Amino acid sequence: MTTREKIVNIAAEMLSNNGFNAFSFHDIANAIGVKTSSIHYYFPTKSDLIVEIIHYSQNIQAALFEAISEKKPQEKLSLLIDFYVDLADKGQMCPIVSISSDINEIDPNIKLEVRKFYDFLADWLTSVIVEGITKNQFATAQTPQDKSMEILNILAMFPILTRLGKAHESLTSLKQSVIDNLINKDLLNNGMSLLTQEIKQQKETIAHQAAIIAAQKKVINLYEANETLEKWKQ
């Protein structure tokens, strides 16, 4: 890993853990064992470094989206939520959430990059919801764009809930609620209806077989009775 990559990695971790104003170039220099001037060589200002962190984080998300591009809509949504659950379990926030907490104190370039990253996430999630609706797997009364915004806002709350003492189970429960809220209820009802019909058919089959067995027993009993009667006549 190059010095530049080390700087970005450490700075991204500090940003996710503590927020925009909670670390300095001096903190980064101490963490990786270089002089502060070395960091300024790669990133003249903190804003330059933050913009690079945003690009770095967006690349990570893009790699995830590419890796799961062939999966079903519900699986894509589940894996996206798992990504943010994992961040929360580590006590970390998505960089755009960390930066947004100090949005009034940062320069316009960072605000622009934060908006681009958010739009990137929202556009991808919207496309997943649209795909799910098209394939009759998702259903929502909201527009896909509004639904994606709602889900992203929920994901942004995960690390906050963790820091408030909510357990991992609370996040996974919330994850399931998000997914359940999108699943096409008609499909679930149809599935339950088919299951009910199958159980009913199985019961009818068992009852029919039981009736056949009972009839067979009667025939056997009648045959045995006739045999006994014939023997008695002899």
Protein backbone atom coordinates (compact mmCIF):
# COMPACT_ATOMS: atom_id res chain seq x y z
CA MET A 1 0.00 0.00 0.00
CA THR A 2 1.39 3.41 -0.97
CA THR A 3 1.70 6.35 1.43
CA ARG A 4 -1.19 8.08 -0.37
CA GLU A 5 -3.40 5.01 0.06
CA LYS A 6 -2.46 4.75 3.75
CA ILE A 7 -3.39 8.40 4.27
CA VAL A 8 -6.78 7.94 2.60
CA ASN A 9 -7.54 4.70 4.49
CA ILE A 10 -6.65 6.13 7.91
CA ALA A 11 -8.45 9.40 7.22
CA ALA A 12 -11.56 7.54 6.02
CA GLU A 13 -11.57 5.50 9.22
CA MET A 14 -11.16 8.61 11.39
CA LEU A 15 -13.94 10.36 9.47
CA SER A 16 -16.29 7.38 9.85
CA ASN A 17 -15.48 6.99 13.54
CA ASN A 18 -15.41 10.58 14.73
CA GLY A 19 -16.73 12.99 12.11
CA PHE A 20 -15.29 15.76 9.94
CA ASN A 21 -13.88 18.01 12.67
CA ALA A 22 -12.62 15.28 14.99
CA PHE A 23 -9.24 14.68 13.32
CA SER A 24 -6.38 16.66 11.79
CA PHE A 25 -3.42 16.08 9.50
CA HIS A 26 -1.32 15.78 12.65
CA ASP A 27 -3.52 12.86 13.86
CA ILE A 28 -3.15 11.11 10.50
CA ALA A 29 0.61 11.67 10.47
CA ASN A 30 0.98 10.13 13.94
CA ALA A 31 -1.20 7.15 12.98
CA ILE A 32 0.86 6.16 9.94
CA GLY A 33 4.28 7.39 11.10
CA VAL A 34 4.98 10.19 8.61
CA LYS A 35 5.49 13.93 8.81
CA THR A 36 2.54 16.25 8.38
CA SER A 37 4.32 17.76 5.38
CA SER A 38 4.07 14.36 3.66
CA ILE A 39 0.29 14.52 3.88
CA HIS A 40 0.25 18.09 2.52
CA TYR A 41 2.32 16.85 -0.39
CA TYR A 42 -0.54 14.60 -1.50
CA PHE A 43 -3.42 16.70 -0.18
CA PRO A 44 -2.71 20.43 0.16
CA THR A 45 -5.89 20.99 2.20
CA LYS A 46 -8.20 18.93 4.34
CA SER A 47 -10.95 19.55 1.81
CA ASP A 48 -8.83 17.90 -0.88
CA LEU A 49 -8.43 14.87 1.38
CA ILE A 50 -12.14 14.69 2.19
CA VAL A 51 -13.05 14.79 -1.50
CA GLU A 52 -10.64 11.90 -2.10
CA ILE A 53 -12.27 9.94 0.75
CA ILE A 54 -15.68 10.47 -0.84
CA HIS A 55 -14.38 9.16 -4.17
CA TYR A 56 -12.74 6.24 -2.38
CA SER A 57 -15.99 5.37 -0.58
CA GLN A 58 -18.01 5.66 -3.77
CA ASN A 59 -15.60 3.27 -5.50
CA ILE A 60 -16.16 0.74 -2.71
CA GLN A 61 -19.92 1.00 -3.17
CA ALA A 62 -19.58 0.77 -6.96
CA ALA A 63 -17.52 -2.42 -6.55
CA LEU A 64 -20.24 -3.88 -4.31
CA PHE A 65 -22.97 -2.99 -6.80
CA GLU A 66 -21.00 -4.56 -9.64
CA ALA A 67 -20.38 -7.74 -7.63
CA ILE A 68 -24.10 -8.22 -6.93
CA SER A 69 -25.45 -6.96 -10.26
CA GLU A 70 -26.74 -10.39 -11.33
CA LYS A 71 -28.62 -11.10 -8.11
CA LYS A 72 -32.37 -10.74 -7.56
CA PRO A 73 -33.70 -7.36 -6.39
CA GLN A 74 -34.44 -8.61 -2.87
CA GLU A 75 -30.91 -10.03 -2.56
CA LYS A 76 -29.41 -6.75 -3.76
CA LEU A 77 -31.37 -4.80 -1.17
CA SER A 78 -30.46 -7.28 1.55
CA LEU A 79 -26.73 -7.07 0.74
CA LEU A 80 -26.82 -3.27 0.67
CA ILE A 81 -28.41 -3.19 4.11
CA ASP A 82 -25.88 -5.76 5.38
CA PHE A 83 -23.08 -3.41 4.26
CA TYR A 84 -24.46 -0.65 6.50
CA VAL A 85 -25.21 -3.04 9.35
CA ASP A 86 -21.55 -4.08 9.24
CA LEU A 87 -20.44 -0.44 9.37
CA ALA A 88 -22.71 0.18 12.34
CA ASP A 89 -21.43 -2.93 14.13
CA LYS A 90 -17.93 -1.43 13.84
CA GLY A 91 -19.17 1.87 15.25
CA GLN A 92 -18.61 3.60 11.91
CA MET A 93 -20.74 5.87 9.77
CA CYS A 94 -20.99 6.22 6.03
CA PRO A 95 -18.67 9.15 5.09
CA ILE A 96 -21.51 11.24 3.69
CA VAL A 97 -23.38 10.85 6.98
CA SER A 98 -20.28 11.90 8.96
CA ILE A 99 -19.69 14.87 6.71
CA SER A 100 -23.34 15.89 6.67
CA SER A 101 -23.28 16.44 10.42
CA ASP A 102 -20.92 19.39 9.75
CA ILE A 103 -22.41 20.36 6.40
CA ASN A 104 -22.64 24.07 7.30
CA GLU A 105 -18.92 24.26 8.04
CA ILE A 106 -17.49 22.65 4.90
CA ASP A 107 -16.63 24.22 1.58
CA PRO A 108 -18.86 24.04 -1.51
CA ASN A 109 -16.66 21.46 -3.28
CA ILE A 110 -17.23 18.92 -0.51
CA LYS A 111 -20.98 19.65 -0.48
CA LEU A 112 -21.07 19.02 -4.23
CA GLU A 113 -19.24 15.69 -3.87
CA VAL A 114 -21.50 14.63 -0.99
CA ARG A 115 -24.54 15.37 -3.15
CA LYS A 116 -23.06 13.38 -6.06
CA PHE A 117 -22.36 10.38 -3.79
CA TYR A 118 -25.86 10.51 -2.33
CA ASP A 119 -27.38 10.72 -5.81
CA PHE A 120 -25.23 7.77 -6.88
CA LEU A 121 -26.59 5.65 -4.00
CA ALA A 122 -30.18 6.85 -4.51
CA ASP A 123 -30.09 6.20 -8.26
CA TRP A 124 -28.79 2.66 -7.78
CA LEU A 125 -31.32 1.85 -5.08
CA THR A 126 -34.13 3.35 -7.16
CA SER A 127 -33.14 1.12 -10.07
CA VAL A 128 -33.26 -1.94 -7.77
CA ILE A 129 -36.74 -1.01 -6.58
CA VAL A 130 -37.92 -0.41 -10.16
CA GLU A 131 -36.47 -3.80 -11.15
CA GLY A 132 -38.30 -5.46 -8.26
CA ILE A 133 -41.59 -3.81 -9.20
CA THR A 134 -41.14 -4.74 -12.88
CA LYS A 135 -40.53 -8.36 -11.92
CA ASN A 136 -43.56 -8.29 -9.60
CA GLN A 137 -41.37 -8.92 -6.54
CA PHE A 138 -41.71 -5.47 -4.90
CA ALA A 139 -44.74 -3.28 -4.32
CA THR A 140 -44.89 0.23 -2.85
CA ALA A 141 -47.41 3.07 -2.77
CA GLN A 142 -44.52 5.55 -2.95
CA THR A 143 -42.52 6.42 -6.02
CA PRO A 144 -39.30 4.35 -6.32
CA GLN A 145 -37.32 7.58 -5.82
CA ASP A 146 -39.12 8.43 -2.57
CA LYS A 147 -38.83 4.86 -1.34
CA SER A 148 -35.08 4.80 -2.00
CA MET A 149 -34.69 8.08 -0.08
CA GLU A 150 -36.63 6.61 2.84
CA ILE A 151 -34.43 3.51 2.93
CA LEU A 152 -31.20 5.55 2.74
CA ASN A 153 -32.38 7.68 5.66
CA ILE A 154 -33.01 4.51 7.67
CA LEU A 155 -29.52 3.20 6.82
CA ALA A 156 -28.01 6.50 7.96
CA MET A 157 -29.57 5.92 11.39
CA PHE A 158 -27.93 2.51 11.92
CA PRO A 159 -24.64 3.74 13.45
CA ILE A 160 -26.53 6.25 15.59
CA LEU A 161 -28.73 3.46 16.96
CA THR A 162 -25.62 1.39 17.67
CA ARG A 163 -24.03 4.24 19.59
CA LEU A 164 -27.24 4.59 21.57
CA GLY A 165 -26.80 1.00 22.73
CA LYS A 166 -29.05 -0.84 20.28
CA ALA A 167 -27.87 -4.41 19.71
CA HIS A 168 -27.07 -6.05 16.38
CA GLU A 169 -30.40 -7.86 16.60
CA SER A 170 -32.23 -4.52 16.50
CA LEU A 171 -30.54 -3.64 13.22
CA THR A 172 -31.27 -7.01 11.64
CA SER A 173 -34.89 -6.71 12.77
CA LEU A 174 -35.08 -3.26 11.20
CA LYS A 175 -33.49 -4.67 8.04
CA GLN A 176 -36.20 -7.33 7.81
CA SER A 177 -38.89 -4.69 8.29
CA VAL A 178 -37.49 -2.68 5.38
CA ILE A 179 -37.50 -5.75 3.13
CA ASP A 180 -40.92 -6.97 4.28
CA ASN A 181 -42.35 -3.51 3.61
CA LEU A 182 -41.33 -3.82 -0.04
CA ILE A 183 -42.19 -7.44 -0.79
CA ASN A 184 -45.25 -7.82 -3.01
CA LYS A 185 -48.01 -8.83 -0.58
CA ASP A 186 -50.06 -10.38 -3.38
CA LEU A 187 -47.22 -12.79 -4.05
CA LEU A 188 -47.11 -13.71 -0.39
CA ASN A 189 -50.88 -14.16 -0.28
CA ASN A 190 -50.79 -16.25 -3.44
CA GLY A 191 -48.02 -18.34 -1.94
CA MET A 192 -50.02 -18.89 1.23
CA SER A 193 -53.11 -19.70 -0.85
CA LEU A 194 -51.20 -22.27 -2.86
CA LEU A 195 -49.80 -23.77 0.34
CA THR A 196 -53.31 -23.94 1.83
CA GLN A 197 -54.62 -25.62 -1.31
CA GLU A 198 -51.76 -28.11 -1.26
CA ILE A 199 -52.43 -28.99 2.39
CA LYS A 200 -56.14 -29.35 1.61
CA GLN A 201 -55.39 -31.65 -1.33
CA GLN A 202 -53.05 -33.72 0.83
CA LYS A 203 -55.77 -34.07 3.48
CA GLU A 204 -58.29 -35.07 0.82
CA THR A 205 -55.85 -37.64 -0.57
CA ILE A 206 -55.23 -39.08 2.88
CA ALA A 207 -58.97 -39.23 3.56
CA HIS A 208 -59.54 -40.95 0.21
CA GLN A 209 -56.81 -43.48 0.92
CA ALA A 210 -58.25 -44.09 4.38
CA ALA A 211 -61.68 -44.70 2.82
CA ILE A 212 -60.15 -47.20 0.37
CA ILE A 213 -58.38 -49.03 3.18
CA ALA A 214 -61.60 -49.14 5.22
CA ALA A 215 -63.50 -50.55 2.22
CA GLN A 216 -60.80 -53.13 1.66
CA LYS A 217 -61.03 -54.19 5.29
CA LYS A 218 -64.78 -54.62 4.94
CA VAL A 219 -64.28 -56.81 1.86
CA ILE A 220 -61.69 -58.89 3.69
CA ASN A 221 -63.96 -59.24 6.72
CA LEU A 222 -66.86 -60.24 4.48
CA TYR A 223 -64.70 -62.77 2.63
CA GLU A 224 -63.49 -64.26 5.92
CA ALA A 225 -67.07 -64.43 7.20
CA ASN A 226 -68.17 -66.28 4.03
CA GLU A 227 -65.28 -68.70 4.40
CA THR A 228 -66.29 -69.42 7.99
CA LEU A 229 -69.91 -69.92 6.94
CA GLU A 230 -68.91 -72.36 4.17
CA LYS A 231 -66.79 -74.36 6.60
CA TRP A 232 -69.67 -74.45 9.11
CA LYS A 233 -72.06 -75.75 6.38
CA GLN A 234 -69.67 -78.56 5.59
